[in-house]
Amino acid sequence: MAYEYGFSTYRTGLYRSRGGIVFGVCRGLAEYFDLSVFWFRAIVLGAFILTGFFPTVLVYVLAALLMKREPGYSY
């Protein structure tokens, strides 16, 4: 997630997003690299179709287990 203060932007780290569909991995990567989540989901879907079920799901689940969850916000 990026925070803006004036004209500078800095990143707090790579996290799984709390607003993602399945574990929030694609949305977390998209936010970290400041790209559209559509492209990350399209890449994962393409890899799923081209490589088959096992390798893509294994890498996705490993990423979900290794990435920290996005910190919660206290109001």
N, C-alpha and C. Protein backbone atom coordinates (compact mmCIF):
# COMPACT_ATOMS: atom_id res chain seq x y z
N MET A 1 0.85 -1.17 0.00
CA MET A 1 0.00 0.00 0.00
C MET A 1 0.89 1.23 0.00
N ALA A 2 0.52 2.20 -0.75
CA ALA A 2 1.31 3.43 -0.82
C ALA A 2 0.57 4.54 -0.09
N TYR A 3 1.31 5.33 0.64
CA TYR A 3 0.75 6.49 1.32
C TYR A 3 1.35 7.73 0.70
N GLU A 4 0.55 8.75 0.55
CA GLU A 4 1.04 9.98 -0.05
C GLU A 4 1.12 11.08 1.01
N TYR A 5 2.26 11.72 1.06
CA TYR A 5 2.47 12.87 1.92
C TYR A 5 3.06 13.96 1.04
N GLY A 6 2.27 14.92 0.67
CA GLY A 6 2.75 15.97 -0.23
C GLY A 6 3.00 15.40 -1.61
N PHE A 7 4.24 15.53 -2.08
CA PHE A 7 4.58 15.04 -3.41
C PHE A 7 5.31 13.71 -3.40
N SER A 8 5.65 13.20 -2.24
CA SER A 8 6.40 11.95 -2.19
C SER A 8 5.48 10.78 -1.83
N THR A 9 5.83 9.63 -2.35
CA THR A 9 5.08 8.41 -2.07
C THR A 9 6.07 7.35 -1.62
N TYR A 10 5.72 6.62 -0.54
CA TYR A 10 6.58 5.53 -0.13
C TYR A 10 5.72 4.31 0.15
N ARG A 11 6.32 3.15 0.07
CA ARG A 11 5.61 1.89 0.25
C ARG A 11 5.93 1.34 1.65
N THR A 12 4.94 0.69 2.21
CA THR A 12 5.14 0.12 3.54
C THR A 12 5.57 -1.33 3.48
N GLY A 13 5.52 -1.97 2.34
CA GLY A 13 5.94 -3.36 2.21
C GLY A 13 4.97 -4.16 1.36
N LEU A 14 5.31 -5.40 1.17
CA LEU A 14 4.50 -6.30 0.36
C LEU A 14 3.58 -7.08 1.29
N TYR A 15 2.28 -6.91 1.10
CA TYR A 15 1.28 -7.56 1.94
C TYR A 15 0.19 -8.18 1.08
N ARG A 16 -0.50 -9.19 1.64
CA ARG A 16 -1.74 -9.68 1.03
C ARG A 16 -2.81 -8.65 1.35
N SER A 17 -3.62 -8.33 0.38
CA SER A 17 -4.65 -7.32 0.58
C SER A 17 -5.84 -7.91 1.34
N ARG A 18 -6.45 -7.10 2.17
CA ARG A 18 -7.67 -7.53 2.86
C ARG A 18 -8.88 -7.47 1.93
N GLY A 19 -8.77 -6.75 0.81
CA GLY A 19 -9.89 -6.60 -0.11
C GLY A 19 -9.80 -7.51 -1.32
N GLY A 20 -8.95 -8.52 -1.28
CA GLY A 20 -8.78 -9.42 -2.41
C GLY A 20 -9.87 -10.46 -2.49
N ILE A 21 -9.92 -11.15 -3.61
CA ILE A 21 -10.95 -12.17 -3.81
C ILE A 21 -10.55 -13.49 -3.16
N VAL A 22 -9.37 -14.04 -3.56
CA VAL A 22 -8.88 -15.30 -3.00
C VAL A 22 -7.54 -15.02 -2.33
N PHE A 23 -7.52 -14.92 -1.04
CA PHE A 23 -6.34 -14.67 -0.21
C PHE A 23 -5.73 -13.28 -0.39
N GLY A 24 -6.09 -12.51 -1.40
CA GLY A 24 -5.60 -11.16 -1.59
C GLY A 24 -4.19 -11.06 -2.16
N VAL A 25 -3.68 -12.15 -2.76
CA VAL A 25 -2.31 -12.14 -3.28
C VAL A 25 -2.19 -11.23 -4.49
N CYS A 26 -3.06 -11.39 -5.46
CA CYS A 26 -2.98 -10.58 -6.69
C CYS A 26 -3.17 -9.09 -6.39
N ARG A 27 -4.12 -8.76 -5.55
CA ARG A 27 -4.35 -7.36 -5.22
C ARG A 27 -3.17 -6.79 -4.43
N GLY A 28 -2.59 -7.57 -3.55
CA GLY A 28 -1.42 -7.11 -2.80
C GLY A 28 -0.23 -6.84 -3.71
N LEU A 29 0.00 -7.73 -4.68
CA LEU A 29 1.09 -7.52 -5.64
C LEU A 29 0.81 -6.31 -6.53
N ALA A 30 -0.45 -6.15 -6.95
CA ALA A 30 -0.81 -5.02 -7.80
C ALA A 30 -0.62 -3.70 -7.05
N GLU A 31 -0.98 -3.65 -5.79
CA GLU A 31 -0.79 -2.43 -5.01
C GLU A 31 0.69 -2.16 -4.79
N TYR A 32 1.47 -3.20 -4.57
CA TYR A 32 2.90 -3.01 -4.33
C TYR A 32 3.61 -2.47 -5.57
N PHE A 33 3.28 -3.02 -6.74
CA PHE A 33 3.91 -2.58 -7.99
C PHE A 33 3.15 -1.43 -8.66
N ASP A 34 2.08 -0.96 -8.04
CA ASP A 34 1.29 0.17 -8.53
C ASP A 34 0.77 -0.08 -9.95
N LEU A 35 0.19 -1.26 -10.16
CA LEU A 35 -0.40 -1.64 -11.43
C LEU A 35 -1.84 -2.07 -11.20
N SER A 36 -2.55 -2.28 -12.28
CA SER A 36 -3.94 -2.71 -12.19
C SER A 36 -4.00 -4.17 -11.72
N VAL A 37 -4.92 -4.46 -10.83
CA VAL A 37 -5.10 -5.83 -10.34
C VAL A 37 -5.58 -6.74 -11.47
N PHE A 38 -6.22 -6.18 -12.48
CA PHE A 38 -6.68 -6.96 -13.63
C PHE A 38 -5.52 -7.69 -14.29
N TRP A 39 -4.37 -7.03 -14.47
CA TRP A 39 -3.24 -7.65 -15.15
C TRP A 39 -2.62 -8.77 -14.32
N PHE A 40 -2.57 -8.62 -13.03
CA PHE A 40 -2.04 -9.71 -12.20
C PHE A 40 -2.97 -10.90 -12.22
N ARG A 41 -4.26 -10.66 -12.17
CA ARG A 41 -5.21 -11.77 -12.25
C ARG A 41 -5.17 -12.43 -13.62
N ALA A 42 -4.98 -11.65 -14.68
CA ALA A 42 -4.88 -12.21 -16.03
C ALA A 42 -3.63 -13.07 -16.16
N ILE A 43 -2.52 -12.64 -15.56
CA ILE A 43 -1.28 -13.42 -15.60
C ILE A 43 -1.46 -14.74 -14.85
N VAL A 44 -2.07 -14.69 -13.69
CA VAL A 44 -2.30 -15.90 -12.91
C VAL A 44 -3.23 -16.85 -13.66
N LEU A 45 -4.27 -16.33 -14.25
CA LEU A 45 -5.20 -17.16 -15.02
C LEU A 45 -4.49 -17.76 -16.24
N GLY A 46 -3.69 -16.97 -16.93
CA GLY A 46 -2.93 -17.48 -18.07
C GLY A 46 -1.95 -18.58 -17.65
N ALA A 47 -1.26 -18.37 -16.53
CA ALA A 47 -0.35 -19.40 -16.03
C ALA A 47 -1.11 -20.65 -15.64
N PHE A 48 -2.29 -20.48 -15.08
CA PHE A 48 -3.13 -21.62 -14.71
C PHE A 48 -3.52 -22.43 -15.94
N ILE A 49 -3.88 -21.75 -17.00
CA ILE A 49 -4.29 -22.44 -18.23
C ILE A 49 -3.09 -23.09 -18.92
N LEU A 50 -1.95 -22.39 -18.97
CA LEU A 50 -0.80 -22.90 -19.71
C LEU A 50 -0.02 -24.00 -18.97
N THR A 51 0.07 -23.91 -17.63
CA THR A 51 0.88 -24.88 -16.89
C THR A 51 0.05 -25.96 -16.23
N GLY A 52 -1.23 -25.76 -16.14
CA GLY A 52 -2.05 -26.75 -15.47
C GLY A 52 -2.35 -26.36 -14.04
N PHE A 53 -3.10 -27.17 -13.38
CA PHE A 53 -3.60 -26.86 -12.05
C PHE A 53 -2.49 -26.81 -11.00
N PHE A 54 -1.69 -27.86 -10.92
CA PHE A 54 -0.78 -28.04 -9.79
C PHE A 54 0.27 -26.95 -9.61
N PRO A 55 1.10 -26.62 -10.62
CA PRO A 55 2.17 -25.65 -10.36
C PRO A 55 1.66 -24.27 -9.97
N THR A 56 0.65 -23.79 -10.66
CA THR A 56 0.15 -22.44 -10.40
C THR A 56 -0.51 -22.35 -9.04
N VAL A 57 -1.32 -23.32 -8.70
CA VAL A 57 -1.99 -23.31 -7.40
C VAL A 57 -0.97 -23.44 -6.27
N LEU A 58 0.05 -24.26 -6.48
CA LEU A 58 1.08 -24.43 -5.46
C LEU A 58 1.82 -23.11 -5.21
N VAL A 59 2.21 -22.42 -6.26
CA VAL A 59 2.91 -21.14 -6.12
C VAL A 59 1.99 -20.10 -5.48
N TYR A 60 0.73 -20.08 -5.87
CA TYR A 60 -0.22 -19.11 -5.34
C TYR A 60 -0.44 -19.35 -3.84
N VAL A 61 -0.62 -20.60 -3.45
CA VAL A 61 -0.84 -20.90 -2.03
C VAL A 61 0.43 -20.61 -1.22
N LEU A 62 1.60 -20.92 -1.77
CA LEU A 62 2.84 -20.59 -1.08
C LEU A 62 2.98 -19.08 -0.89
N ALA A 63 2.62 -18.32 -1.92
CA ALA A 63 2.67 -16.86 -1.79
C ALA A 63 1.69 -16.38 -0.72
N ALA A 64 0.52 -16.98 -0.67
CA ALA A 64 -0.47 -16.60 0.34
C ALA A 64 0.02 -16.92 1.75
N LEU A 65 0.75 -18.02 1.89
CA LEU A 65 1.25 -18.39 3.22
C LEU A 65 2.46 -17.56 3.63
N LEU A 66 3.29 -17.16 2.67
CA LEU A 66 4.51 -16.44 3.00
C LEU A 66 4.32 -14.93 3.13
N MET A 67 3.35 -14.38 2.42
CA MET A 67 3.11 -12.93 2.49
C MET A 67 2.34 -12.60 3.77
N LYS A 68 2.72 -11.54 4.42
CA LYS A 68 1.99 -11.08 5.60
C LYS A 68 0.67 -10.46 5.16
N ARG A 69 -0.32 -10.53 6.04
CA ARG A 69 -1.60 -9.89 5.77
C ARG A 69 -1.47 -8.40 6.00
N GLU A 70 -2.18 -7.63 5.19
CA GLU A 70 -2.13 -6.17 5.29
C GLU A 70 -2.55 -5.74 6.71
N PRO A 71 -1.81 -4.82 7.32
CA PRO A 71 -2.17 -4.38 8.67
C PRO A 71 -3.57 -3.77 8.72
N GLY A 72 -4.26 -4.01 9.80
CA GLY A 72 -5.59 -3.45 9.98
C GLY A 72 -5.51 -1.99 10.35
N TYR A 73 -6.60 -1.33 10.24
CA TYR A 73 -6.66 0.11 10.54
C TYR A 73 -7.51 0.30 11.78
N SER A 74 -7.02 1.07 12.73
CA SER A 74 -7.82 1.39 13.90
C SER A 74 -8.39 2.80 13.74
N TYR A 75 -9.65 2.91 14.00
CA TYR A 75 -10.33 4.19 13.80
C TYR A 75 -10.58 4.86 15.13
